[in-house]
Structure formats: structure tokens, C-alpha cells
Amino acid sequence: MLTRLTNAYAPYIDSAVLVLSVIAQILMMRRKLESWWVWLLVNTVAVPLYYSRGLHLTSILYVGFWINALVALRHWRNLMRVEAR
């Protein structure tokens, strides 16, 4: 749809960020550890995409989200180890 109706710079990558974000959110609501791996992927793709379009503040925000996802992954992993005992 973005390809046909807009002159978007990278419609497939932009769409992938959206779809993966929805998947990550659903996994997070189900309390799946894998959600944080998907968030890391989303943020890894989003940072260079937004930076290349001149959206430097947005790209910095996504770097913060990337750090948050990494910290959350480690935290959730530790919590799951404690619960398993």
C-alpha cells in the first residue's frame, strides 16, 4: 500500500518496523521472553532508517528503546531463572 499510494523512501522496511512492533507487543502482553528479541530487531532496523531520513531525534529515541529492550531482556531472563527454581 505504501508503495502504490505514497512516495515513501523505504516502504518495505517501514512496514516491517510496524509489523514487527505489533508482533513484539503481542508477545510482550503474553509475557514471552522472545518479545525483547523482536524489540531489539525492530530498534536495530529503525535507527538507521530514521537516521537516513534526517530524523535524528527519532533515531536517538530508538537507540534509547534499544537500550531499554536490552536491559529488559536481561531483567526478564533473571526473573524467569528465579521463578524456575
PDB file of N, CA and C in Angstrom:
ATOM      1  N   MET A   1       0.823  -1.181   0.000  1.00  0.00           N
ATOM      2  CA  MET A   1       0.000   0.000   0.000  1.00  0.00           C
ATOM      3  C   MET A   1       0.882   1.266   0.000  1.00  0.00           C
ATOM      4  N   LEU A   2       1.950   1.255   0.836  1.00  0.00           N
ATOM      5  CA  LEU A   2       2.832   2.423   0.859  1.00  0.00           C
ATOM      6  C   LEU A   2       3.533   2.627  -0.481  1.00  0.00           C
ATOM      7  N   THR A   3       3.818   1.531  -1.169  1.00  0.00           N
ATOM      8  CA  THR A   3       4.496   1.629  -2.460  1.00  0.00           C
ATOM      9  C   THR A   3       3.612   2.275  -3.508  1.00  0.00           C
ATOM     10  N   ARG A   4       2.337   1.936  -3.494  1.00  0.00           N
ATOM     11  CA  ARG A   4       1.419   2.427  -4.534  1.00  0.00           C
ATOM     12  C   ARG A   4       0.828   3.790  -4.235  1.00  0.00           C
ATOM     13  N   LEU A   5       0.575   4.064  -2.951  1.00  0.00           N
ATOM     14  CA  LEU A   5      -0.151   5.283  -2.602  1.00  0.00           C
ATOM     15  C   LEU A   5       0.725   6.437  -2.124  1.00  0.00           C
ATOM     16  N   THR A   6       1.998   6.166  -1.871  1.00  0.00           N
ATOM     17  CA  THR A   6       2.883   7.237  -1.397  1.00  0.00           C
ATOM     18  C   THR A   6       4.207   7.183  -2.152  1.00  0.00           C
ATOM     19  N   ASN A   7       5.017   8.172  -1.918  1.00  0.00           N
ATOM     20  CA  ASN A   7       6.366   8.150  -2.467  1.00  0.00           C
ATOM     21  C   ASN A   7       7.363   7.905  -1.336  1.00  0.00           C
ATOM     22  N   ALA A   8       7.030   6.952  -0.480  1.00  0.00           N
ATOM     23  CA  ALA A   8       7.848   6.637   0.690  1.00  0.00           C
ATOM     24  C   ALA A   8       9.248   6.198   0.267  1.00  0.00           C
ATOM     25  N   TYR A   9      10.221   6.530   1.113  1.00  0.00           N
ATOM     26  CA  TYR A   9      11.622   6.227   0.831  1.00  0.00           C
ATOM     27  C   TYR A   9      11.901   4.729   0.902  1.00  0.00           C
ATOM     28  N   ALA A  10      11.443   4.076   1.948  1.00  0.00           N
ATOM     29  CA  ALA A  10      11.684   2.644   2.150  1.00  0.00           C
ATOM     30  C   ALA A  10      10.409   1.997   2.689  1.00  0.00           C
ATOM     31  N   PRO A  11       9.412   1.829   1.835  1.00  0.00           N
ATOM     32  CA  PRO A  11       8.118   1.360   2.325  1.00  0.00           C
ATOM     33  C   PRO A  11       8.153  -0.034   2.945  1.00  0.00           C
ATOM     34  N   TYR A  12       8.972  -0.928   2.405  1.00  0.00           N
ATOM     35  CA  TYR A  12       9.001  -2.287   2.940  1.00  0.00           C
ATOM     36  C   TYR A  12       9.680  -2.340   4.296  1.00  0.00           C
ATOM     37  N   ILE A  13      10.741  -1.587   4.455  1.00  0.00           N
ATOM     38  CA  ILE A  13      11.426  -1.547   5.750  1.00  0.00           C
ATOM     39  C   ILE A  13      10.542  -0.865   6.787  1.00  0.00           C
ATOM     40  N   ASP A  14       9.898   0.212   6.396  1.00  0.00           N
ATOM     41  CA  ASP A  14       8.993   0.926   7.295  1.00  0.00           C
ATOM     42  C   ASP A  14       7.831   0.027   7.707  1.00  0.00           C
ATOM     43  N   SER A  15       7.295  -0.718   6.765  1.00  0.00           N
ATOM     44  CA  SER A  15       6.212  -1.654   7.073  1.00  0.00           C
ATOM     45  C   SER A  15       6.692  -2.772   7.983  1.00  0.00           C
ATOM     46  N   ALA A  16       7.926  -3.228   7.774  1.00  0.00           N
ATOM     47  CA  ALA A  16       8.487  -4.283   8.624  1.00  0.00           C
ATOM     48  C   ALA A  16       8.612  -3.802  10.065  1.00  0.00           C
ATOM     49  N   VAL A  17       9.011  -2.541  10.244  1.00  0.00           N
ATOM     50  CA  VAL A  17       9.103  -1.972  11.592  1.00  0.00           C
ATOM     51  C   VAL A  17       7.734  -1.995  12.259  1.00  0.00           C
ATOM     52  N   LEU A  18       6.708  -1.612  11.529  1.00  0.00           N
ATOM     53  CA  LEU A  18       5.345  -1.616  12.076  1.00  0.00           C
ATOM     54  C   LEU A  18       4.884  -3.025  12.428  1.00  0.00           C
ATOM     55  N   VAL A  19       5.010  -3.955  11.502  1.00  0.00           N
ATOM     56  CA  VAL A  19       4.521  -5.315  11.722  1.00  0.00           C
ATOM     57  C   VAL A  19       5.286  -5.989  12.860  1.00  0.00           C
ATOM     58  N   LEU A  20       6.585  -5.845  12.875  1.00  0.00           N
ATOM     59  CA  LEU A  20       7.378  -6.449  13.951  1.00  0.00           C
ATOM     60  C   LEU A  20       7.072  -5.812  15.305  1.00  0.00           C
ATOM     61  N   SER A  21       6.766  -4.531  15.319  1.00  0.00           N
ATOM     62  CA  SER A  21       6.380  -3.864  16.567  1.00  0.00           C
ATOM     63  C   SER A  21       5.079  -4.429  17.114  1.00  0.00           C
ATOM     64  N   VAL A  22       4.128  -4.684  16.242  1.00  0.00           N
ATOM     65  CA  VAL A  22       2.853  -5.269  16.674  1.00  0.00           C
ATOM     66  C   VAL A  22       3.089  -6.679  17.213  1.00  0.00           C
ATOM     67  N   ILE A  23       3.906  -7.461  16.512  1.00  0.00           N
ATOM     68  CA  ILE A  23       4.210  -8.817  16.967  1.00  0.00           C
ATOM     69  C   ILE A  23       4.908  -8.777  18.325  1.00  0.00           C
ATOM     70  N   ALA A  24       5.881  -7.893  18.476  1.00  0.00           N
ATOM     71  CA  ALA A  24       6.598  -7.777  19.747  1.00  0.00           C
ATOM     72  C   ALA A  24       5.658  -7.378  20.877  1.00  0.00           C
ATOM     73  N   GLN A  25       4.730  -6.469  20.587  1.00  0.00           N
ATOM     74  CA  GLN A  25       3.785  -6.034  21.621  1.00  0.00           C
ATOM     75  C   GLN A  25       2.870  -7.180  22.045  1.00  0.00           C
ATOM     76  N   ILE A  26       2.410  -7.959  21.097  1.00  0.00           N
ATOM     77  CA  ILE A  26       1.555  -9.109  21.423  1.00  0.00           C
ATOM     78  C   ILE A  26       2.329 -10.114  22.270  1.00  0.00           C
ATOM     79  N   LEU A  27       3.578 -10.392  21.883  1.00  0.00           N
ATOM     80  CA  LEU A  27       4.403 -11.311  22.664  1.00  0.00           C
ATOM     81  C   LEU A  27       4.652 -10.769  24.074  1.00  0.00           C
ATOM     82  N   MET A  28       4.865  -9.468  24.179  1.00  0.00           N
ATOM     83  CA  MET A  28       5.104  -8.872  25.486  1.00  0.00           C
ATOM     84  C   MET A  28       3.859  -8.962  26.372  1.00  0.00           C
ATOM     85  N   MET A  29       2.685  -8.757  25.794  1.00  0.00           N
ATOM     86  CA  MET A  29       1.452  -8.868  26.566  1.00  0.00           C
ATOM     87  C   MET A  29       1.247 -10.291  27.066  1.00  0.00           C
ATOM     88  N   ARG A  30       1.778 -11.259  26.344  1.00  0.00           N
ATOM     89  CA  ARG A  30       1.699 -12.671  26.759  1.00  0.00           C
ATOM     90  C   ARG A  30       2.880 -13.070  27.635  1.00  0.00           C
ATOM     91  N   ARG A  31       3.707 -12.081  27.966  1.00  0.00           N
ATOM     92  CA  ARG A  31       4.874 -12.263  28.836  1.00  0.00           C
ATOM     93  C   ARG A  31       5.855 -13.302  28.305  1.00  0.00           C
ATOM     94  N   LYS A  32       6.136 -13.194  27.027  1.00  0.00           N
ATOM     95  CA  LYS A  32       7.107 -14.074  26.377  1.00  0.00           C
ATOM     96  C   LYS A  32       8.460 -13.375  26.344  1.00  0.00           C
ATOM     97  N   LEU A  33       9.493 -14.074  26.759  1.00  0.00           N
ATOM     98  CA  LEU A  33      10.841 -13.518  26.751  1.00  0.00           C
ATOM     99  C   LEU A  33      11.271 -13.121  25.345  1.00  0.00           C
ATOM    100  N   GLU A  34      10.806 -13.848  24.346  1.00  0.00           N
ATOM    101  CA  GLU A  34      11.179 -13.592  22.958  1.00  0.00           C
ATOM    102  C   GLU A  34      10.747 -12.214  22.467  1.00  0.00           C
ATOM    103  N   SER A  35       9.792 -11.605  23.155  1.00  0.00           N
ATOM    104  CA  SER A  35       9.335 -10.273  22.746  1.00  0.00           C
ATOM    105  C   SER A  35      10.496  -9.286  22.720  1.00  0.00           C
ATOM    106  N   TRP A  36      11.422  -9.431  23.674  1.00  0.00           N
ATOM    107  CA  TRP A  36      12.531  -8.484  23.745  1.00  0.00           C
ATOM    108  C   TRP A  36      13.513  -8.675  22.608  1.00  0.00           C
ATOM    109  N   TRP A  37      13.650  -9.899  22.100  1.00  0.00           N
ATOM    110  CA  TRP A  37      14.486 -10.113  20.913  1.00  0.00           C
ATOM    111  C   TRP A  37      13.863  -9.434  19.697  1.00  0.00           C
ATOM    112  N   VAL A  38      12.538  -9.489  19.609  1.00  0.00           N
ATOM    113  CA  VAL A  38      11.859  -8.833  18.486  1.00  0.00           C
ATOM    114  C   VAL A  38      11.995  -7.321  18.614  1.00  0.00           C
ATOM    115  N   TRP A  39      11.862  -6.794  19.848  1.00  0.00           N
ATOM    116  CA  TRP A  39      12.049  -5.352  20.045  1.00  0.00           C
ATOM    117  C   TRP A  39      13.462  -4.929  19.665  1.00  0.00           C
ATOM    118  N   LEU A  40      14.457  -5.735  20.010  1.00  0.00           N
ATOM    119  CA  LEU A  40      15.831  -5.412  19.620  1.00  0.00           C
ATOM    120  C   LEU A  40      15.959  -5.368  18.102  1.00  0.00           C
ATOM    121  N   LEU A  41      15.320  -6.303  17.416  1.00  0.00           N
ATOM    122  CA  LEU A  41      15.342  -6.309  15.952  1.00  0.00           C
ATOM    123  C   LEU A  41      14.664  -5.062  15.391  1.00  0.00           C
ATOM    124  N   VAL A  42      13.496  -4.729  15.922  1.00  0.00           N
ATOM    125  CA  VAL A  42      12.762  -3.542  15.478  1.00  0.00           C
ATOM    126  C   VAL A  42      13.631  -2.293  15.614  1.00  0.00           C
ATOM    127  N   ASN A  43      14.232  -2.137  16.772  1.00  0.00           N
ATOM    128  CA  ASN A  43      15.031  -0.940  17.031  1.00  0.00           C
ATOM    129  C   ASN A  43      16.308  -0.918  16.200  1.00  0.00           C
ATOM    130  N   THR A  44      16.881  -2.086  15.953  1.00  0.00           N
ATOM    131  CA  THR A  44      18.083  -2.167  15.115  1.00  0.00           C
ATOM    132  C   THR A  44      17.775  -1.747  13.680  1.00  0.00           C
ATOM    133  N   VAL A  45      16.599  -2.070  13.204  1.00  0.00           N
ATOM    134  CA  VAL A  45      16.191  -1.673  11.851  1.00  0.00           C
ATOM    135  C   VAL A  45      15.762  -0.207  11.825  1.00  0.00           C
ATOM    136  N   ALA A  46      15.073   0.239  12.869  1.00  0.00           N
ATOM    137  CA  ALA A  46      14.507   1.587  12.889  1.00  0.00           C
ATOM    138  C   ALA A  46      15.564   2.680  12.989  1.00  0.00           C
ATOM    139  N   VAL A  47      16.620   2.453  13.764  1.00  0.00           N
ATOM    140  CA  VAL A  47      17.626   3.504  13.971  1.00  0.00           C
ATOM    141  C   VAL A  47      18.229   3.974  12.650  1.00  0.00           C
ATOM    142  N   PRO A  48      18.808   3.075  11.838  1.00  0.00           N
ATOM    143  CA  PRO A  48      19.385   3.581  10.583  1.00  0.00           C
ATOM    144  C   PRO A  48      18.329   4.100   9.600  1.00  0.00           C
ATOM    145  N   LEU A  49      17.133   3.521   9.624  1.00  0.00           N
ATOM    146  CA  LEU A  49      16.067   4.001   8.737  1.00  0.00           C
ATOM    147  C   LEU A  49      15.740   5.453   9.039  1.00  0.00           C
ATOM    148  N   TYR A  50      15.488   5.758  10.294  1.00  0.00           N
ATOM    149  CA  TYR A  50      15.119   7.117  10.663  1.00  0.00           C
ATOM    150  C   TYR A  50      16.298   8.086  10.526  1.00  0.00           C
ATOM    151  N   TYR A  51      17.489   7.623  10.848  1.00  0.00           N
ATOM    152  CA  TYR A  51      18.666   8.483  10.713  1.00  0.00           C
ATOM    153  C   TYR A  51      18.905   8.863   9.250  1.00  0.00           C
ATOM    154  N   SER A  52      18.722   7.889   8.362  1.00  0.00           N
ATOM    155  CA  SER A  52      18.951   8.154   6.931  1.00  0.00           C
ATOM    156  C   SER A  52      17.946   9.145   6.356  1.00  0.00           C
ATOM    157  N   ARG A  53      16.818   9.292   6.977  1.00  0.00           N
ATOM    158  CA  ARG A  53      15.795  10.231   6.509  1.00  0.00           C
ATOM    159  C   ARG A  53      15.910  11.582   7.195  1.00  0.00           C
ATOM    160  N   GLY A  54      16.947  11.765   8.008  1.00  0.00           N
ATOM    161  CA  GLY A  54      17.144  13.046   8.681  1.00  0.00           C
ATOM    162  C   GLY A  54      16.371  13.193   9.975  1.00  0.00           C
ATOM    163  N   LEU A  55      15.790  12.136  10.453  1.00  0.00           N
ATOM    164  CA  LEU A  55      15.031  12.168  11.704  1.00  0.00           C
ATOM    165  C   LEU A  55      15.961  11.787  12.854  1.00  0.00           C
ATOM    166  N   HIS A  56      16.905  12.655  13.142  1.00  0.00           N
ATOM    167  CA  HIS A  56      17.967  12.345  14.089  1.00  0.00           C
ATOM    168  C   HIS A  56      17.450  12.171  15.516  1.00  0.00           C
ATOM    169  N   LEU A  57      16.511  13.002  15.947  1.00  0.00           N
ATOM    170  CA  LEU A  57      15.971  12.852  17.303  1.00  0.00           C
ATOM    171  C   LEU A  57      15.190  11.543  17.444  1.00  0.00           C
ATOM    172  N   THR A  58      14.440  11.188  16.425  1.00  0.00           N
ATOM    173  CA  THR A  58      13.705   9.926  16.451  1.00  0.00           C
ATOM    174  C   THR A  58      14.674   8.760  16.510  1.00  0.00           C
ATOM    175  N   SER A  59      15.749   8.869  15.770  1.00  0.00           N
ATOM    176  CA  SER A  59      16.755   7.812  15.778  1.00  0.00           C
ATOM    177  C   SER A  59      17.415   7.688  17.139  1.00  0.00           C
ATOM    178  N   ILE A  60      17.664   8.814  17.810  1.00  0.00           N
ATOM    179  CA  ILE A  60      18.207   8.781  19.169  1.00  0.00           C
ATOM    180  C   ILE A  60      17.202   8.139  20.125  1.00  0.00           C
ATOM    181  N   LEU A  61      15.937   8.456  19.955  1.00  0.00           N
ATOM    182  CA  LEU A  61      14.892   7.842  20.764  1.00  0.00           C
ATOM    183  C   LEU A  61      14.912   6.320  20.604  1.00  0.00           C
ATOM    184  N   TYR A  62      15.065   5.848  19.373  1.00  0.00           N
ATOM    185  CA  TYR A  62      15.100   4.406  19.133  1.00  0.00           C
ATOM    186  C   TYR A  62      16.371   3.757  19.667  1.00  0.00           C
ATOM    187  N   VAL A  63      17.459   4.502  19.765  1.00  0.00           N
ATOM    188  CA  VAL A  63      18.655   3.992  20.444  1.00  0.00           C
ATOM    189  C   VAL A  63      18.322   3.779  21.924  1.00  0.00           C
ATOM    190  N   GLY A  64      17.594   4.729  22.508  1.00  0.00           N
ATOM    191  CA  GLY A  64      17.134   4.567  23.890  1.00  0.00           C
ATOM    192  C   GLY A  64      16.221   3.364  24.041  1.00  0.00           C
ATOM    193  N   PHE A  65      15.320   3.167  23.082  1.00  0.00           N
ATOM    194  CA  PHE A  65      14.447   1.990  23.109  1.00  0.00           C
ATOM    195  C   PHE A  65      15.265   0.708  23.001  1.00  0.00           C
ATOM    196  N   TRP A  66      16.341   0.740  22.193  1.00  0.00           N
ATOM    197  CA  TRP A  66      17.205  -0.428  22.024  1.00  0.00           C
ATOM    198  C   TRP A  66      17.866  -0.778  23.359  1.00  0.00           C
ATOM    199  N   ILE A  67      18.373   0.236  24.049  1.00  0.00           N
ATOM    200  CA  ILE A  67      18.993   0.020  25.363  1.00  0.00           C
ATOM    201  C   ILE A  67      17.958  -0.512  26.355  1.00  0.00           C
ATOM    202  N   ASN A  68      16.764   0.063  26.321  1.00  0.00           N
ATOM    203  CA  ASN A  68      15.690  -0.390  27.196  1.00  0.00           C
ATOM    204  C   ASN A  68      15.358  -1.861  26.942  1.00  0.00           C
ATOM    205  N   ALA A  69      15.289  -2.258  25.688  1.00  0.00           N
ATOM    206  CA  ALA A  69      14.965  -3.649  25.353  1.00  0.00           C
ATOM    207  C   ALA A  69      16.071  -4.586  25.826  1.00  0.00           C
ATOM    208  N   LEU A  70      17.305  -4.164  25.713  1.00  0.00           N
ATOM    209  CA  LEU A  70      18.425  -4.991  26.168  1.00  0.00           C
ATOM    210  C   LEU A  70      18.385  -5.174  27.687  1.00  0.00           C
ATOM    211  N   VAL A  71      18.156  -4.094  28.415  1.00  0.00           N
ATOM    212  CA  VAL A  71      18.064  -4.161  29.878  1.00  0.00           C
ATOM    213  C   VAL A  71      16.866  -5.015  30.288  1.00  0.00           C
ATOM    214  N   ALA A  72      15.736  -4.831  29.623  1.00  0.00           N
ATOM    215  CA  ALA A  72      14.533  -5.606  29.941  1.00  0.00           C
ATOM    216  C   ALA A  72      14.734  -7.092  29.650  1.00  0.00           C
ATOM    217  N   LEU A  73      15.408  -7.417  28.556  1.00  0.00           N
ATOM    218  CA  LEU A  73      15.695  -8.816  28.232  1.00  0.00           C
ATOM    219  C   LEU A  73      16.496  -9.456  29.357  1.00  0.00           C
ATOM    220  N   ARG A  74      17.533  -8.786  29.804  1.00  0.00           N
ATOM    221  CA  ARG A  74      18.355  -9.323  30.895  1.00  0.00           C
ATOM    222  C   ARG A  74      17.546  -9.450  32.178  1.00  0.00           C
ATOM    223  N   HIS A  75      16.733  -8.453  32.467  1.00  0.00           N
ATOM    224  CA  HIS A  75      15.912  -8.477  33.683  1.00  0.00           C
ATOM    225  C   HIS A  75      14.893  -9.609  33.643  1.00  0.00           C
ATOM    226  N   TRP A  76      14.175  -9.740  32.527  1.00  0.00           N
ATOM    227  CA  TRP A  76      13.173 -10.804  32.406  1.00  0.00           C
ATOM    228  C   TRP A  76      13.840 -12.175  32.477  1.00  0.00           C
ATOM    229  N   ARG A  77      14.999 -12.308  31.857  1.00  0.00           N
ATOM    230  CA  ARG A  77      15.715 -13.583  31.889  1.00  0.00           C
ATOM    231  C   ARG A  77      16.060 -13.956  33.332  1.00  0.00           C
ATOM    232  N   ASN A  78      16.544 -12.988  34.111  1.00  0.00           N
ATOM    233  CA  ASN A  78      16.860 -13.239  35.520  1.00  0.00           C
ATOM    234  C   ASN A  78      15.611 -13.598  36.316  1.00  0.00           C
ATOM    235  N   LEU A  79      14.527 -12.883  36.067  1.00  0.00           N
ATOM    236  CA  LEU A  79      13.279 -13.196  36.770  1.00  0.00           C
ATOM    237  C   LEU A  79      12.795 -14.614  36.461  1.00  0.00           C
ATOM    238  N   MET A  80      12.909 -15.016  35.210  1.00  0.00           N
ATOM    239  CA  MET A  80      12.459 -16.358  34.830  1.00  0.00           C
ATOM    240  C   MET A  80      13.336 -17.448  35.445  1.00  0.00           C
ATOM    241  N   ARG A  81      14.622 -17.158  35.600  1.00  0.00           N
ATOM    242  CA  ARG A  81      15.510 -18.123  36.268  1.00  0.00           C
ATOM    243  C   ARG A  81      15.120 -18.278  37.734  1.00  0.00           C
ATOM    244  N   VAL A  82      14.804 -17.172  38.381  1.00  0.00           N
ATOM    245  CA  VAL A  82      14.392 -17.217  39.798  1.00  0.00           C
ATOM    246  C   VAL A  82      13.074 -17.979  39.939  1.00  0.00           C
ATOM    247  N   GLU A  83      12.127 -17.718  39.048  1.00  0.00           N
ATOM    248  CA  GLU A  83      10.826 -18.399  39.113  1.00  0.00           C
ATOM    249  C   GLU A  83      10.961 -19.895  38.841  1.00  0.00           C
ATOM    250  N   ALA A  84      11.922 -20.277  37.992  1.00  0.00           N
ATOM    251  CA  ALA A  84      12.108 -21.687  37.655  1.00  0.00           C
ATOM    252  C   ALA A  84      12.617 -22.485  38.846  1.00  0.00           C
ATOM    253  N   ARG A  85      13.324 -21.825  39.751  1.00  0.00           N
ATOM    254  CA  ARG A  85      13.846 -22.515  40.944  1.00  0.00           C
ATOM    255  C   ARG A  85      12.726 -22.741  41.875  1.00  0.00           C
TER     256      ARG A  85
END
